[in-house]
Amino acid sequence: MPDPNLTLQLLMQIDEAMQRIHWRFENIQTPEDFTRDRSGLDRLDAIAMMLIALGETIKRLDTHLGNRLSDLYPEIDWTAIKGIRNVLAHNYFSIDPEEVYKICSTDLQALANTLTQLRSQF
């Protein structure tokens, strides 16, 4: 049985990363906003860092839960979430602003909803 305290700690770290992404994404209306000026690039950099942290922490959470996230919540592409960490960390100068925009504008809400369900079990 997974340690509920560690589970909640990891979920809190994930929440923090998602909140930071949300704050930085607030004024982004299009993928081009990330590359329009220095402020946009700063936001892209900060969001990419939080996506790396998010992917790493979700990987730890999945391991902690016995690699069962995909079975418990198949509607989420957990492999992609964990993999984004590697893509961003190892191909940093090739980050696709359109992909980051898609993640922030659509994918994170589904993840947030699922994590709310997961949190309610602990």
Protein backbone atom coordinates (compact mmCIF):
# COMPACT_ATOMS: atom_id res chain seq x y z
CA MET A 1 0.00 0.00 0.00
CA PRO A 2 1.43 3.40 -0.94
CA ASP A 3 2.27 5.84 1.82
CA PRO A 4 -0.61 8.37 1.79
CA ASN A 5 1.64 11.14 3.16
CA LEU A 6 4.10 10.75 0.29
CA THR A 7 1.24 10.55 -2.19
CA LEU A 8 -0.20 13.83 -0.90
CA GLN A 9 3.24 15.47 -0.87
CA LEU A 10 3.78 14.54 -4.53
CA LEU A 11 0.29 15.77 -5.42
CA MET A 12 1.05 19.09 -3.70
CA GLN A 13 4.25 19.44 -5.74
CA ILE A 14 2.28 18.73 -8.92
CA ASP A 15 -0.33 21.32 -7.90
CA GLU A 16 2.42 23.88 -7.32
CA ALA A 17 3.93 23.27 -10.77
CA MET A 18 0.52 23.49 -12.42
CA GLN A 19 -0.29 26.72 -10.58
CA ARG A 20 2.99 28.29 -11.68
CA ILE A 21 2.27 27.25 -15.27
CA HIS A 22 -1.20 28.79 -15.01
CA TRP A 23 0.19 32.11 -13.71
CA ARG A 24 2.73 32.37 -16.49
CA PHE A 25 0.28 31.33 -19.19
CA GLU A 26 -2.40 33.89 -18.23
CA ASN A 27 -1.43 36.51 -20.84
CA ILE A 28 -0.55 34.08 -23.62
CA GLN A 29 -3.26 34.11 -26.29
CA THR A 30 -1.45 32.38 -29.17
CA PRO A 31 1.69 30.24 -29.59
CA GLU A 32 3.34 33.26 -31.22
CA ASP A 33 3.05 35.17 -27.94
CA PHE A 34 5.86 32.95 -26.62
CA THR A 35 8.30 34.21 -29.25
CA ARG A 36 7.05 37.74 -29.87
CA ASP A 37 9.33 39.39 -27.31
CA ARG A 38 11.59 38.83 -24.34
CA SER A 39 8.69 38.54 -21.92
CA GLY A 40 7.15 35.77 -24.00
CA LEU A 41 10.44 33.90 -24.14
CA ASP A 42 10.78 34.26 -20.37
CA ARG A 43 7.31 32.78 -19.97
CA LEU A 44 8.16 29.92 -22.34
CA ASP A 45 11.34 29.19 -20.39
CA ALA A 46 9.54 29.24 -17.04
CA ILE A 47 6.67 27.09 -18.28
CA ALA A 48 9.10 24.60 -19.83
CA MET A 49 10.90 24.31 -16.49
CA MET A 50 7.64 23.65 -14.67
CA LEU A 51 6.63 21.07 -17.30
CA ILE A 52 9.94 19.31 -16.65
CA ALA A 53 9.20 19.34 -12.91
CA LEU A 54 5.63 18.19 -13.55
CA GLY A 55 6.76 15.26 -15.70
CA GLU A 56 9.41 14.21 -13.19
CA THR A 57 7.02 14.39 -10.23
CA ILE A 58 4.30 12.47 -12.05
CA LYS A 59 6.88 9.82 -12.87
CA ARG A 60 7.70 9.59 -9.14
CA LEU A 61 4.00 9.47 -8.27
CA ASP A 62 3.35 6.67 -10.76
CA THR A 63 6.29 4.66 -9.39
CA HIS A 64 5.05 5.27 -5.84
CA LEU A 65 1.57 4.02 -6.82
CA GLY A 66 2.97 0.86 -8.39
CA ASN A 67 2.88 2.12 -11.99
CA ARG A 68 -0.91 2.01 -11.94
CA LEU A 69 -1.86 5.52 -13.11
CA SER A 70 -2.55 4.29 -16.66
CA ASP A 71 -4.82 1.55 -15.34
CA LEU A 72 -6.63 3.80 -12.88
CA TYR A 73 -7.04 6.79 -15.20
CA PRO A 74 -6.72 5.64 -18.83
CA GLU A 75 -8.19 8.90 -20.16
CA ILE A 76 -4.85 10.63 -19.46
CA ASP A 77 -1.76 9.99 -21.59
CA TRP A 78 0.61 9.43 -18.66
CA THR A 79 3.42 8.28 -20.95
CA ALA A 80 3.33 11.60 -22.80
CA ILE A 81 3.27 13.59 -19.56
CA LYS A 82 6.27 11.74 -18.20
CA GLY A 83 7.99 11.92 -21.58
CA ILE A 84 7.65 15.69 -21.93
CA ARG A 85 10.32 16.00 -19.27
CA ASN A 86 12.84 14.21 -21.47
CA VAL A 87 11.87 16.12 -24.60
CA LEU A 88 12.19 19.49 -22.90
CA ALA A 89 15.33 18.68 -20.93
CA HIS A 90 17.27 17.12 -23.79
CA ASN A 91 16.05 19.25 -26.69
CA TYR A 92 15.75 22.57 -24.92
CA PHE A 93 16.67 24.76 -27.88
CA SER A 94 14.13 22.95 -30.06
CA ILE A 95 11.09 23.58 -27.87
CA ASP A 96 7.95 23.88 -29.99
CA PRO A 97 5.90 26.88 -28.74
CA GLU A 98 2.78 25.43 -30.41
CA GLU A 99 3.12 22.19 -28.44
CA VAL A 100 3.66 24.06 -25.18
CA TYR A 101 0.63 26.22 -25.98
CA LYS A 102 -1.51 23.12 -26.61
CA ILE A 103 -0.38 21.53 -23.36
CA CYS A 104 -1.16 24.67 -21.38
CA SER A 105 -4.44 25.54 -23.07
CA THR A 106 -6.06 22.09 -23.18
CA ASP A 107 -4.11 19.19 -21.70
CA LEU A 108 -3.47 20.56 -18.23
CA GLN A 109 -7.17 21.01 -17.41
CA ALA A 110 -7.89 17.32 -18.02
CA LEU A 111 -4.89 16.44 -15.87
CA ALA A 112 -6.07 18.77 -13.09
CA ASN A 113 -9.51 17.14 -13.09
CA THR A 114 -7.99 13.67 -12.86
CA LEU A 115 -5.64 14.68 -10.07
CA THR A 116 -8.62 16.02 -8.11
CA GLN A 117 -10.19 12.56 -8.37
CA LEU A 118 -6.94 10.92 -7.28
CA ARG A 119 -6.49 13.30 -4.35
CA SER A 120 -9.99 12.50 -3.07
CA GLN A 121 -8.86 8.91 -2.50
CA PHE A 122 -6.23 9.99 0.00
